[in-house]
Amino acid sequence: MHVTIEQNTSGSGKPESVFISWLLWQPRGADLPAEALKELVKLAPYRDRDPDIVRLRSLFERLAGRSGRPH
C-alpha cells in the first residue's frame, strides 16, 4: 500500500473538516462549549506551529465562547 502525505496543507480546508467531524461525533445533549475547551487543552502544546492548527483552534475557541486565545 502506498500512502501520500501532503507537505503543505495550509489553506486546504482540513481544519473545517476536522471540526465538522468532531461535531458530528459528539453525543446528543453534549455540552459543546465544555467539550471544545477540552479540545483546546489538547491543542495547546502545538501553539502557532501550523496555520491549520491555528485555524482549528480558532473554531474551537468560537464554539467555547472565547474571543481570542485561551488563557
C-alpha atoms as a PDB file:
ATOM      1  CA  MET A   1       0.000   0.000   0.000  1.00  0.00           C
ATOM      2  CA  HIS A   2       1.324   3.428  -0.959  1.00  0.00           C
ATOM      3  CA  VAL A   3       0.359   6.433   1.174  1.00  0.00           C
ATOM      4  CA  THR A   4       0.956  10.011   0.129  1.00  0.00           C
ATOM      5  CA  ILE A   5       1.122  12.774   2.717  1.00  0.00           C
ATOM      6  CA  GLU A   6       0.760  16.372   1.652  1.00  0.00           C
ATOM      7  CA  GLN A   7       3.661  18.510   2.750  1.00  0.00           C
ATOM      8  CA  ASN A   8       1.845  21.838   2.529  1.00  0.00           C
ATOM      9  CA  THR A   9      -1.646  21.527   3.959  1.00  0.00           C
ATOM     10  CA  SER A  10      -2.323  25.215   4.649  1.00  0.00           C
ATOM     11  CA  GLY A  11      -5.471  26.533   3.079  1.00  0.00           C
ATOM     12  CA  SER A  12      -6.705  23.029   2.313  1.00  0.00           C
ATOM     13  CA  GLY A  13      -9.931  23.290   4.305  1.00  0.00           C
ATOM     14  CA  LYS A  14      -8.842  20.447   6.558  1.00  0.00           C
ATOM     15  CA  PRO A  15      -9.353  22.330   9.857  1.00  0.00           C
ATOM     16  CA  GLU A  16     -13.003  22.821   8.963  1.00  0.00           C
ATOM     17  CA  SER A  17     -13.368  19.145   8.034  1.00  0.00           C
ATOM     18  CA  VAL A  18     -11.810  18.068  11.327  1.00  0.00           C
ATOM     19  CA  PHE A  19     -14.092  20.431  13.232  1.00  0.00           C
ATOM     20  CA  ILE A  20     -17.251  19.221  11.469  1.00  0.00           C
ATOM     21  CA  SER A  21     -16.270  15.589  12.021  1.00  0.00           C
ATOM     22  CA  TRP A  22     -15.656  16.312  15.688  1.00  0.00           C
ATOM     23  CA  LEU A  23     -19.092  17.965  15.977  1.00  0.00           C
ATOM     24  CA  LEU A  24     -20.815  15.015  14.335  1.00  0.00           C
ATOM     25  CA  TRP A  25     -19.199  12.573  16.773  1.00  0.00           C
ATOM     26  CA  GLN A  26     -20.402  14.396  19.866  1.00  0.00           C
ATOM     27  CA  PRO A  27     -23.179  12.610  21.717  1.00  0.00           C
ATOM     28  CA  ARG A  28     -26.652  14.097  21.744  1.00  0.00           C
ATOM     29  CA  GLY A  29     -27.003  16.555  24.592  1.00  0.00           C
ATOM     30  CA  ALA A  30     -23.250  17.076  24.961  1.00  0.00           C
ATOM     31  CA  ASP A  31     -22.108  20.394  26.408  1.00  0.00           C
ATOM     32  CA  LEU A  32     -20.353  21.526  23.214  1.00  0.00           C
ATOM     33  CA  PRO A  33     -18.645  24.593  24.709  1.00  0.00           C
ATOM     34  CA  ALA A  34     -17.212  22.449  27.524  1.00  0.00           C
ATOM     35  CA  GLU A  35     -16.099  19.777  25.068  1.00  0.00           C
ATOM     36  CA  ALA A  36     -14.500  22.450  22.867  1.00  0.00           C
ATOM     37  CA  LEU A  37     -12.480  23.637  25.872  1.00  0.00           C
ATOM     38  CA  LYS A  38     -11.157  20.087  26.284  1.00  0.00           C
ATOM     39  CA  GLU A  39     -10.037  20.114  22.659  1.00  0.00           C
ATOM     40  CA  LEU A  40      -8.279  23.446  23.186  1.00  0.00           C
ATOM     41  CA  VAL A  41      -6.306  21.878  26.025  1.00  0.00           C
ATOM     42  CA  LYS A  42      -5.268  19.043  23.695  1.00  0.00           C
ATOM     43  CA  LEU A  43      -4.198  21.522  21.004  1.00  0.00           C
ATOM     44  CA  ALA A  44      -2.343  23.847  23.408  1.00  0.00           C
ATOM     45  CA  PRO A  45       1.088  22.181  23.025  1.00  0.00           C
ATOM     46  CA  TYR A  46       1.069  22.885  19.308  1.00  0.00           C
ATOM     47  CA  ARG A  47       0.589  26.653  19.680  1.00  0.00           C
ATOM     48  CA  ASP A  48       1.210  28.528  16.423  1.00  0.00           C
ATOM     49  CA  ARG A  49       3.351  25.936  14.650  1.00  0.00           C
ATOM     50  CA  ASP A  50       0.969  25.318  11.795  1.00  0.00           C
ATOM     51  CA  PRO A  51      -1.654  27.574  10.166  1.00  0.00           C
ATOM     52  CA  ASP A  52      -4.131  24.686  10.043  1.00  0.00           C
ATOM     53  CA  ILE A  53      -3.834  24.169  13.799  1.00  0.00           C
ATOM     54  CA  VAL A  54      -4.250  27.904  14.369  1.00  0.00           C
ATOM     55  CA  ARG A  55      -7.448  27.775  12.298  1.00  0.00           C
ATOM     56  CA  LEU A  56      -8.732  24.674  14.113  1.00  0.00           C
ATOM     57  CA  ARG A  57      -8.033  26.316  17.475  1.00  0.00           C
ATOM     58  CA  SER A  58      -9.991  29.393  16.406  1.00  0.00           C
ATOM     59  CA  LEU A  59     -13.002  27.250  15.511  1.00  0.00           C
ATOM     60  CA  PHE A  60     -12.937  25.569  18.925  1.00  0.00           C
ATOM     61  CA  GLU A  61     -12.409  28.940  20.639  1.00  0.00           C
ATOM     62  CA  ARG A  62     -15.507  30.364  18.992  1.00  0.00           C
ATOM     63  CA  LEU A  63     -17.576  27.337  19.969  1.00  0.00           C
ATOM     64  CA  ALA A  64     -16.276  27.583  23.529  1.00  0.00           C
ATOM     65  CA  GLY A  65     -17.376  31.207  23.639  1.00  0.00           C
ATOM     66  CA  ARG A  66     -13.892  32.622  23.765  1.00  0.00           C
ATOM     67  CA  SER A  67     -12.743  35.518  21.696  1.00  0.00           C
ATOM     68  CA  GLY A  68      -9.027  35.418  21.155  1.00  0.00           C
ATOM     69  CA  ARG A  69      -6.587  32.957  22.648  1.00  0.00           C
ATOM     70  CA  PRO A  70      -7.301  30.767  25.654  1.00  0.00           C
ATOM     71  CA  HIS A  71      -5.514  31.773  28.860  1.00  0.00           C
END
